[in-house]
N, C-alpha and C. Protein backbone atom coordinates (compact mmCIF):
# COMPACT_ATOMS: atom_id res chain seq x y z
N MET A 1 -75.24 15.94 123.62
CA MET A 1 -76.00 14.80 124.12
C MET A 1 -76.52 15.10 125.52
N LYS A 2 -77.70 14.57 125.82
CA LYS A 2 -78.29 14.77 127.13
C LYS A 2 -77.53 13.99 128.21
N ASP A 3 -77.71 14.42 129.44
CA ASP A 3 -77.19 13.68 130.57
C ASP A 3 -77.96 12.37 130.67
N GLN A 4 -77.32 11.31 131.17
CA GLN A 4 -77.97 10.00 131.23
C GLN A 4 -79.26 10.00 132.04
N PHE A 5 -79.43 10.93 132.95
CA PHE A 5 -80.63 10.96 133.79
C PHE A 5 -81.79 11.70 133.12
N ASP A 6 -81.58 12.26 131.95
CA ASP A 6 -82.63 12.99 131.25
C ASP A 6 -83.48 12.11 130.34
N TYR A 7 -83.24 10.80 130.31
CA TYR A 7 -83.89 9.94 129.34
C TYR A 7 -85.03 9.09 129.90
N CYS A 8 -85.60 9.41 131.02
CA CYS A 8 -86.68 8.61 131.58
C CYS A 8 -87.82 8.47 130.58
N GLY A 9 -88.11 7.22 130.17
CA GLY A 9 -89.16 6.98 129.20
C GLY A 9 -88.79 7.24 127.77
N GLN A 10 -87.50 7.49 127.53
CA GLN A 10 -87.03 7.86 126.19
C GLN A 10 -85.75 7.09 125.87
N CYS A 11 -85.60 6.63 124.64
CA CYS A 11 -84.40 5.90 124.24
C CYS A 11 -83.17 6.80 124.31
N PRO A 12 -82.11 6.37 125.00
CA PRO A 12 -80.91 7.20 125.09
C PRO A 12 -80.11 7.24 123.79
N GLN A 13 -80.42 6.35 122.85
CA GLN A 13 -79.70 6.32 121.58
C GLN A 13 -80.36 7.19 120.51
N CYS A 14 -81.68 6.99 120.31
CA CYS A 14 -82.36 7.73 119.23
C CYS A 14 -83.41 8.71 119.74
N GLU A 15 -83.63 8.75 121.05
CA GLU A 15 -84.56 9.65 121.72
C GLU A 15 -86.04 9.37 121.42
N SER A 16 -86.33 8.17 120.91
CA SER A 16 -87.72 7.76 120.67
C SER A 16 -88.40 7.46 122.01
N TYR A 17 -89.70 7.68 122.05
CA TYR A 17 -90.49 7.32 123.22
C TYR A 17 -91.16 5.95 123.05
N GLU A 18 -90.84 5.27 121.98
CA GLU A 18 -91.43 3.96 121.68
C GLU A 18 -90.61 2.85 122.34
N LEU A 19 -90.74 2.72 123.65
CA LEU A 19 -90.02 1.70 124.39
C LEU A 19 -90.97 0.59 124.82
N THR A 20 -90.48 -0.63 124.77
CA THR A 20 -91.21 -1.77 125.30
C THR A 20 -90.47 -2.21 126.55
N TYR A 21 -91.20 -2.27 127.66
CA TYR A 21 -90.58 -2.59 128.95
C TYR A 21 -90.81 -4.04 129.34
N GLY A 22 -89.82 -4.59 130.02
CA GLY A 22 -89.96 -5.90 130.63
C GLY A 22 -90.47 -5.73 132.05
N GLY A 23 -90.48 -6.81 132.79
CA GLY A 23 -90.96 -6.78 134.16
C GLY A 23 -89.98 -6.09 135.10
N PHE A 24 -90.51 -5.52 136.14
CA PHE A 24 -89.72 -4.81 137.15
C PHE A 24 -88.78 -5.79 137.85
N VAL A 25 -87.51 -5.44 137.95
CA VAL A 25 -86.52 -6.26 138.63
C VAL A 25 -86.10 -5.53 139.88
N ASN A 26 -86.32 -6.17 141.03
CA ASN A 26 -86.03 -5.53 142.31
C ASN A 26 -84.89 -6.27 142.99
N LEU A 27 -83.70 -5.78 142.81
CA LEU A 27 -82.51 -6.33 143.46
C LEU A 27 -81.95 -5.24 144.36
N GLU A 28 -80.64 -5.18 144.50
CA GLU A 28 -80.06 -4.06 145.25
C GLU A 28 -80.38 -2.74 144.58
N THR A 29 -80.41 -2.76 143.25
CA THR A 29 -80.83 -1.61 142.46
C THR A 29 -82.01 -2.07 141.63
N SER A 30 -83.10 -1.32 141.61
CA SER A 30 -84.31 -1.73 140.91
C SER A 30 -84.37 -1.08 139.53
N TYR A 31 -84.85 -1.87 138.55
CA TYR A 31 -84.89 -1.34 137.18
C TYR A 31 -85.95 -2.05 136.35
N TYR A 32 -86.28 -1.40 135.23
CA TYR A 32 -87.11 -2.00 134.19
C TYR A 32 -86.21 -2.18 132.96
N PRO A 33 -86.06 -3.40 132.46
CA PRO A 33 -85.34 -3.55 131.19
C PRO A 33 -86.23 -3.02 130.06
N PHE A 34 -85.60 -2.48 129.01
CA PHE A 34 -86.39 -1.97 127.89
C PHE A 34 -85.71 -2.29 126.57
N VAL A 35 -86.51 -2.26 125.51
CA VAL A 35 -86.04 -2.35 124.13
C VAL A 35 -86.72 -1.22 123.38
N CYS A 36 -85.94 -0.46 122.63
CA CYS A 36 -86.50 0.62 121.82
C CYS A 36 -87.09 0.02 120.55
N ASP A 37 -88.36 0.28 120.31
CA ASP A 37 -89.03 -0.24 119.12
C ASP A 37 -88.54 0.44 117.84
N ALA A 38 -87.97 1.61 117.97
CA ALA A 38 -87.52 2.37 116.80
C ALA A 38 -86.12 1.95 116.32
N CYS A 39 -85.18 1.77 117.26
CA CYS A 39 -83.80 1.50 116.83
C CYS A 39 -83.22 0.20 117.39
N GLY A 40 -83.94 -0.48 118.28
CA GLY A 40 -83.46 -1.75 118.82
C GLY A 40 -82.54 -1.64 120.01
N CYS A 41 -82.28 -0.42 120.46
CA CYS A 41 -81.41 -0.23 121.62
C CYS A 41 -82.02 -0.96 122.82
N ARG A 42 -81.17 -1.63 123.59
CA ARG A 42 -81.61 -2.32 124.80
C ARG A 42 -80.94 -1.67 125.99
N GLY A 43 -81.64 -1.62 127.10
CA GLY A 43 -81.04 -1.03 128.28
C GLY A 43 -81.88 -1.27 129.51
N LYS A 44 -81.59 -0.53 130.56
CA LYS A 44 -82.30 -0.64 131.82
C LYS A 44 -82.61 0.76 132.33
N GLU A 45 -83.83 0.95 132.80
CA GLU A 45 -84.24 2.21 133.41
C GLU A 45 -84.25 1.98 134.91
N TYR A 46 -83.35 2.63 135.63
CA TYR A 46 -83.16 2.40 137.07
C TYR A 46 -84.04 3.32 137.91
N TYR A 47 -84.47 2.79 139.05
CA TYR A 47 -85.34 3.54 139.96
C TYR A 47 -84.92 3.30 141.40
N THR A 48 -85.21 4.28 142.23
CA THR A 48 -85.11 4.07 143.67
C THR A 48 -86.50 3.69 144.14
N VAL A 49 -86.56 2.84 145.15
CA VAL A 49 -87.84 2.36 145.66
C VAL A 49 -87.90 2.69 147.15
N ASP A 50 -88.95 3.39 147.55
CA ASP A 50 -89.13 3.75 148.95
C ASP A 50 -90.31 2.98 149.52
N PHE A 51 -90.17 2.54 150.75
CA PHE A 51 -91.27 1.87 151.44
C PHE A 51 -92.38 2.88 151.72
N LEU A 52 -93.61 2.53 151.37
CA LEU A 52 -94.75 3.41 151.61
C LEU A 52 -95.57 2.94 152.80
N ARG A 53 -96.01 1.69 152.78
CA ARG A 53 -96.83 1.17 153.86
C ARG A 53 -96.93 -0.34 153.71
N MET A 54 -97.47 -0.95 154.72
CA MET A 54 -97.76 -2.37 154.67
C MET A 54 -99.23 -2.55 154.98
N GLU A 55 -99.90 -3.42 154.26
CA GLU A 55 -101.29 -3.71 154.51
C GLU A 55 -101.42 -5.19 154.79
N SER A 56 -102.43 -5.54 155.59
CA SER A 56 -102.66 -6.95 155.87
C SER A 56 -104.11 -7.29 155.60
N ASP A 57 -104.34 -8.56 155.34
CA ASP A 57 -105.69 -9.05 155.16
C ASP A 57 -106.22 -9.54 156.50
N THR A 58 -107.49 -9.41 156.69
CA THR A 58 -108.10 -10.07 157.84
C THR A 58 -108.13 -11.55 157.53
N VAL A 59 -108.34 -12.37 158.51
CA VAL A 59 -108.41 -13.81 158.29
C VAL A 59 -109.48 -14.14 157.25
N GLU A 60 -110.64 -13.52 157.36
CA GLU A 60 -111.72 -13.80 156.43
C GLU A 60 -111.35 -13.40 155.01
N GLU A 61 -110.75 -12.21 154.83
CA GLU A 61 -110.35 -11.76 153.49
C GLU A 61 -109.32 -12.71 152.90
N HIS A 62 -108.35 -13.12 153.70
CA HIS A 62 -107.32 -14.02 153.22
C HIS A 62 -107.92 -15.36 152.81
N ASN A 63 -108.78 -15.92 153.65
CA ASN A 63 -109.40 -17.20 153.32
C ASN A 63 -110.27 -17.10 152.07
N GLU A 64 -110.96 -15.98 151.89
CA GLU A 64 -111.77 -15.79 150.69
C GLU A 64 -110.89 -15.72 149.44
N LYS A 65 -109.74 -15.06 149.55
CA LYS A 65 -108.81 -15.00 148.41
C LYS A 65 -108.31 -16.40 148.07
N LEU A 66 -108.01 -17.21 149.09
CA LEU A 66 -107.58 -18.58 148.84
C LEU A 66 -108.69 -19.38 148.17
N ARG A 67 -109.93 -19.26 148.66
CA ARG A 67 -111.05 -19.97 148.06
C ARG A 67 -111.25 -19.53 146.61
N SER A 68 -111.16 -18.23 146.35
CA SER A 68 -111.32 -17.71 144.99
C SER A 68 -110.24 -18.21 144.06
N ALA A 69 -109.07 -18.49 144.62
CA ALA A 69 -107.96 -19.00 143.82
C ALA A 69 -108.04 -20.52 143.65
N GLY A 70 -109.08 -21.12 144.22
CA GLY A 70 -109.26 -22.55 144.06
C GLY A 70 -108.60 -23.40 145.12
N VAL A 71 -108.15 -22.78 146.20
CA VAL A 71 -107.53 -23.54 147.29
C VAL A 71 -108.64 -23.99 148.23
N HIS A 72 -108.87 -25.30 148.27
CA HIS A 72 -109.97 -25.83 149.08
C HIS A 72 -109.48 -26.92 150.02
N ASN A 73 -108.35 -26.71 150.63
CA ASN A 73 -107.86 -27.72 151.56
C ASN A 73 -107.59 -27.08 152.91
N GLU A 74 -106.79 -27.72 153.71
CA GLU A 74 -106.55 -27.21 155.05
C GLU A 74 -105.81 -25.88 155.07
N ALA A 75 -105.23 -25.46 153.94
CA ALA A 75 -104.54 -24.16 153.90
C ALA A 75 -105.53 -23.04 154.21
N VAL A 76 -106.78 -23.20 153.81
CA VAL A 76 -107.79 -22.17 154.07
C VAL A 76 -108.09 -22.11 155.56
N SER A 77 -108.28 -23.26 156.19
CA SER A 77 -108.63 -23.25 157.59
C SER A 77 -107.42 -23.09 158.49
N ASP A 78 -106.20 -23.27 157.93
CA ASP A 78 -104.99 -23.18 158.74
C ASP A 78 -104.51 -21.75 158.96
N PHE A 79 -105.06 -20.78 158.26
CA PHE A 79 -104.61 -19.41 158.42
C PHE A 79 -105.32 -18.80 159.63
N HIS A 80 -104.59 -18.63 160.71
CA HIS A 80 -105.14 -18.09 161.95
C HIS A 80 -104.31 -16.91 162.42
N GLU A 81 -104.94 -15.97 163.09
CA GLU A 81 -104.22 -14.81 163.59
C GLU A 81 -103.11 -15.19 164.54
N ASP A 82 -103.25 -16.30 165.29
CA ASP A 82 -102.21 -16.69 166.23
C ASP A 82 -100.92 -17.13 165.54
N LYS A 83 -100.98 -17.38 164.21
CA LYS A 83 -99.79 -17.76 163.46
C LYS A 83 -99.06 -16.56 162.88
N LEU A 84 -99.63 -15.39 163.02
CA LEU A 84 -99.01 -14.18 162.44
C LEU A 84 -97.93 -13.66 163.34
């Protein structure tokens, strides 16, 4: 049998690559839950997550995103750089 770390993207029970993944769960340890479509095995694929960068919106970009999302109240005009 393979080592548990050799199964990335592959079912550890039947070795099928036919996995259906759930949403990413980011807790102390980050993982994707999966179900094997071939044999029904359920499990979690664990990952380490490293910080890459942080990006920010300009006031105008942020307000445009709010408008595009249908926010048309004081939340749009209340976003100011002095509040950051």
